[in-house]
Amino acid sequence: MIDPEVARLRRLRDEALLVRQIARTFESSQWAANESLLDRCGCASWRIARVISGRLRGHPYAEYQKDASAVSRGASALRAYCLSLTHNSRAKGLTVLEAHVNALSRLLDDAICLAWSSDFSEALSRAHAEIKSLSGALAKDNRGGEVHERPAMGPTRSEMVGDLGPALEGDWPYLAL
């Protein structure tokens, strides 16, 4: 691992721990009597933080092996507490949680694209699939069934080639090898 990768993984771990803390804080509020989405978000983000921490602890340099600091955990707890005070209804709380889950999803996306280890990338991909399903469930719950998803990929290869196909057949002799 190199320094930017360690910094990226630490940001990802901090965001995962923040999502977990927000979910746990919202679970203790009055409006979240039996809210399973909060529990699922907390568990999924905890698994992500564990995977990231395991990856960082496996680094040969001792300075990169550090866990989340007490200051960072305290800041997450304070931020989650302030969010629970200001967003004291179910709709507001789930909207805030959805925004943080989407931020975690974007950071996971970056980490998956830039990961060098296939095992690590697979573990993050499984976590990303779970986070995407949670994000969709939160969006559906917040908007009443109206989910807005961005397209995952651009046009397929056949759509991109489209009308260029016939022109390529006879014009380029080295393609006929």
Protein backbone atom coordinates (compact mmCIF):
# COMPACT_ATOMS: atom_id res chain seq x y z
CA MET A 1 0.00 0.00 0.00
CA ILE A 2 1.08 3.53 -0.58
CA ASP A 3 0.27 6.65 1.41
CA PRO A 4 -2.74 7.83 -0.65
CA GLU A 5 -4.26 4.36 -0.41
CA VAL A 6 -3.87 4.35 3.38
CA ALA A 7 -5.43 7.81 3.59
CA ARG A 8 -8.35 6.70 1.39
CA LEU A 9 -8.92 3.59 3.50
CA ARG A 10 -8.83 5.64 6.70
CA ARG A 11 -11.44 8.05 5.29
CA LEU A 12 -13.58 5.08 4.30
CA ARG A 13 -13.26 3.56 7.76
CA ASP A 14 -14.11 6.88 9.42
CA GLU A 15 -17.22 7.28 7.26
CA ALA A 16 -18.28 3.68 7.98
CA LEU A 17 -17.85 4.25 11.71
CA LEU A 18 -19.82 7.51 11.43
CA VAL A 19 -22.70 5.73 9.65
CA ARG A 20 -22.66 3.06 12.35
CA GLN A 21 -22.71 5.67 15.11
CA ILE A 22 -25.56 7.58 13.46
CA ALA A 23 -27.59 4.39 13.09
CA ARG A 24 -26.95 3.40 16.71
CA THR A 25 -27.85 6.87 17.98
CA PHE A 26 -31.04 6.99 15.92
CA GLU A 27 -31.97 3.50 17.17
CA SER A 28 -32.13 4.84 20.70
CA SER A 29 -34.55 7.62 19.74
CA GLN A 30 -38.31 7.48 20.31
CA TRP A 31 -39.32 7.28 16.67
CA ALA A 32 -37.24 4.18 15.93
CA ALA A 33 -39.13 1.54 17.87
CA ASN A 34 -38.63 -1.40 15.50
CA GLU A 35 -36.72 0.16 12.63
CA SER A 36 -34.80 -2.65 10.95
CA LEU A 37 -33.10 -0.33 8.44
CA LEU A 38 -31.14 1.31 11.24
CA ASP A 39 -29.91 -2.03 12.50
CA ARG A 40 -28.98 -3.18 9.00
CA CYS A 41 -27.06 0.06 8.33
CA GLY A 42 -25.19 -0.26 11.61
CA CYS A 43 -24.21 -3.87 10.97
CA ALA A 44 -23.18 -3.30 7.35
CA SER A 45 -21.03 -0.31 8.17
CA TRP A 46 -19.42 -2.19 11.07
CA ARG A 47 -18.44 -5.01 8.70
CA ILE A 48 -16.89 -2.47 6.33
CA ALA A 49 -14.91 -0.89 9.17
CA ARG A 50 -13.66 -4.33 10.25
CA VAL A 51 -12.51 -5.22 6.73
CA ILE A 52 -10.69 -1.88 6.38
CA SER A 53 -9.09 -2.18 9.83
CA GLY A 54 -7.89 -5.69 9.02
CA ARG A 55 -6.35 -4.45 5.80
CA LEU A 56 -4.60 -1.58 7.56
CA ARG A 57 -3.32 -3.82 10.37
CA GLY A 58 -1.76 -6.11 7.78
CA HIS A 59 0.46 -3.30 6.54
CA PRO A 60 4.19 -3.80 7.27
CA TYR A 61 4.71 -0.22 8.53
CA ALA A 62 3.64 0.28 12.13
CA GLU A 63 2.49 3.86 11.58
CA TYR A 64 -0.12 2.68 9.03
CA GLN A 65 -1.53 0.04 11.40
CA LYS A 66 -3.27 2.50 13.71
CA ASP A 67 -6.92 2.03 14.57
CA ALA A 68 -9.42 4.85 14.63
CA SER A 69 -8.34 7.30 17.30
CA ALA A 70 -10.36 8.14 20.39
CA VAL A 71 -10.73 11.69 19.09
CA SER A 72 -12.21 10.42 15.82
CA ARG A 73 -14.61 8.09 17.64
CA GLY A 74 -15.62 10.89 20.00
CA ALA A 75 -16.18 13.27 17.10
CA SER A 76 -18.38 10.68 15.39
CA ALA A 77 -20.39 10.17 18.56
CA LEU A 78 -20.81 13.92 19.05
CA ARG A 79 -21.83 14.44 15.43
CA ALA A 80 -24.36 11.59 15.62
CA TYR A 81 -25.76 12.98 18.86
CA CYS A 82 -26.17 16.45 17.34
CA LEU A 83 -27.86 14.93 14.28
CA SER A 84 -30.25 13.01 16.51
CA LEU A 85 -31.15 16.20 18.37
CA THR A 86 -31.80 18.22 15.23
CA HIS A 87 -33.47 15.45 13.23
CA ASN A 88 -35.92 14.05 15.75
CA SER A 89 -38.55 12.63 13.40
CA ARG A 90 -38.47 9.43 11.39
CA ALA A 91 -38.50 11.12 7.98
CA LYS A 92 -35.71 13.56 8.83
CA GLY A 93 -33.60 10.88 10.50
CA LEU A 94 -33.83 8.45 7.62
CA THR A 95 -33.07 11.23 5.13
CA VAL A 96 -29.86 12.10 7.01
CA LEU A 97 -28.93 8.43 7.25
CA GLU A 98 -29.56 8.00 3.53
CA ALA A 99 -27.20 10.88 2.73
CA HIS A 100 -24.43 9.33 4.83
CA VAL A 101 -25.03 5.86 3.39
CA ASN A 102 -24.75 7.33 -0.12
CA ALA A 103 -21.47 9.03 0.84
CA LEU A 104 -20.21 5.70 2.17
CA SER A 105 -21.27 4.03 -1.07
CA ARG A 106 -19.28 6.54 -3.14
CA LEU A 107 -16.17 6.02 -0.99
CA LEU A 108 -16.59 2.25 -1.30
CA ASP A 109 -16.86 2.61 -5.05
CA ASP A 110 -13.54 4.46 -5.16
CA ALA A 111 -11.85 1.94 -2.89
CA ILE A 112 -13.05 -0.99 -5.00
CA CYS A 113 -11.81 0.61 -8.22
CA LEU A 114 -8.39 1.36 -6.76
CA ALA A 115 -7.82 -1.83 -4.74
CA TRP A 116 -4.91 -3.99 -5.83
CA SER A 117 -5.76 -7.16 -3.93
CA SER A 118 -8.50 -9.34 -5.37
CA ASP A 119 -9.58 -10.71 -1.96
CA PHE A 120 -9.87 -7.22 -0.55
CA SER A 121 -11.73 -6.01 -3.62
CA GLU A 122 -14.19 -8.93 -3.38
CA ALA A 123 -14.87 -8.22 0.29
CA LEU A 124 -15.51 -4.57 -0.48
CA SER A 125 -17.70 -5.52 -3.45
CA ARG A 126 -19.92 -7.67 -1.24
CA ALA A 127 -20.18 -4.83 1.26
CA HIS A 128 -20.92 -2.39 -1.56
CA ALA A 129 -23.79 -4.54 -2.81
CA GLU A 130 -25.28 -4.55 0.68
CA ILE A 131 -24.83 -0.79 1.06
CA LYS A 132 -26.47 -0.20 -2.35
CA SER A 133 -29.47 -2.30 -1.32
CA LEU A 134 -29.71 -0.36 1.94
CA SER A 135 -29.48 2.91 0.04
CA GLY A 136 -32.28 1.79 -2.25
CA ALA A 137 -34.41 0.71 0.71
CA LEU A 138 -33.83 4.03 2.45
CA ALA A 139 -34.64 5.96 -0.73
CA LYS A 140 -37.79 3.93 -1.25
CA ASP A 141 -38.83 4.47 2.35
CA ASN A 142 -38.07 8.21 2.23
CA ARG A 143 -39.67 8.94 -1.12
CA GLY A 144 -42.54 6.49 -0.97
CA GLY A 145 -41.43 4.11 -3.70
CA GLU A 146 -39.75 6.71 -5.91
CA VAL A 147 -36.14 5.59 -6.32
CA HIS A 148 -33.74 7.60 -8.48
CA GLU A 149 -30.72 5.57 -9.56
CA ARG A 150 -27.92 6.76 -11.76
CA PRO A 151 -26.91 4.42 -14.57
CA ALA A 152 -24.13 2.09 -13.56
CA MET A 153 -22.39 1.98 -16.94
CA GLY A 154 -22.32 3.88 -20.19
CA PRO A 155 -23.70 2.53 -23.45
CA THR A 156 -22.82 -1.03 -24.37
CA ARG A 157 -20.25 -1.82 -27.03
CA SER A 158 -22.86 -2.64 -29.68
CA GLU A 159 -24.54 0.72 -29.14
CA MET A 160 -21.21 2.54 -29.36
CA VAL A 161 -20.16 0.87 -32.60
CA GLY A 162 -23.64 1.24 -34.10
CA ASP A 163 -23.33 2.68 -37.60
CA LEU A 164 -19.52 2.44 -37.71
CA GLY A 165 -19.65 -1.34 -38.24
CA PRO A 166 -20.06 -1.49 -42.04
CA ALA A 167 -17.38 1.14 -42.64
CA LEU A 168 -14.82 -0.84 -40.69
CA GLU A 169 -15.27 -4.08 -42.65
CA GLY A 170 -13.37 -3.26 -45.82
CA ASP A 171 -11.40 -0.12 -45.07
CA TRP A 172 -8.79 -1.52 -42.71
CA PRO A 173 -6.78 -4.35 -44.22
CA TYR A 174 -4.95 -5.31 -41.01
CA LEU A 175 -8.27 -6.34 -39.46
CA ALA A 176 -8.57 -9.16 -42.03
CA LEU A 177 -5.63 -11.16 -40.65
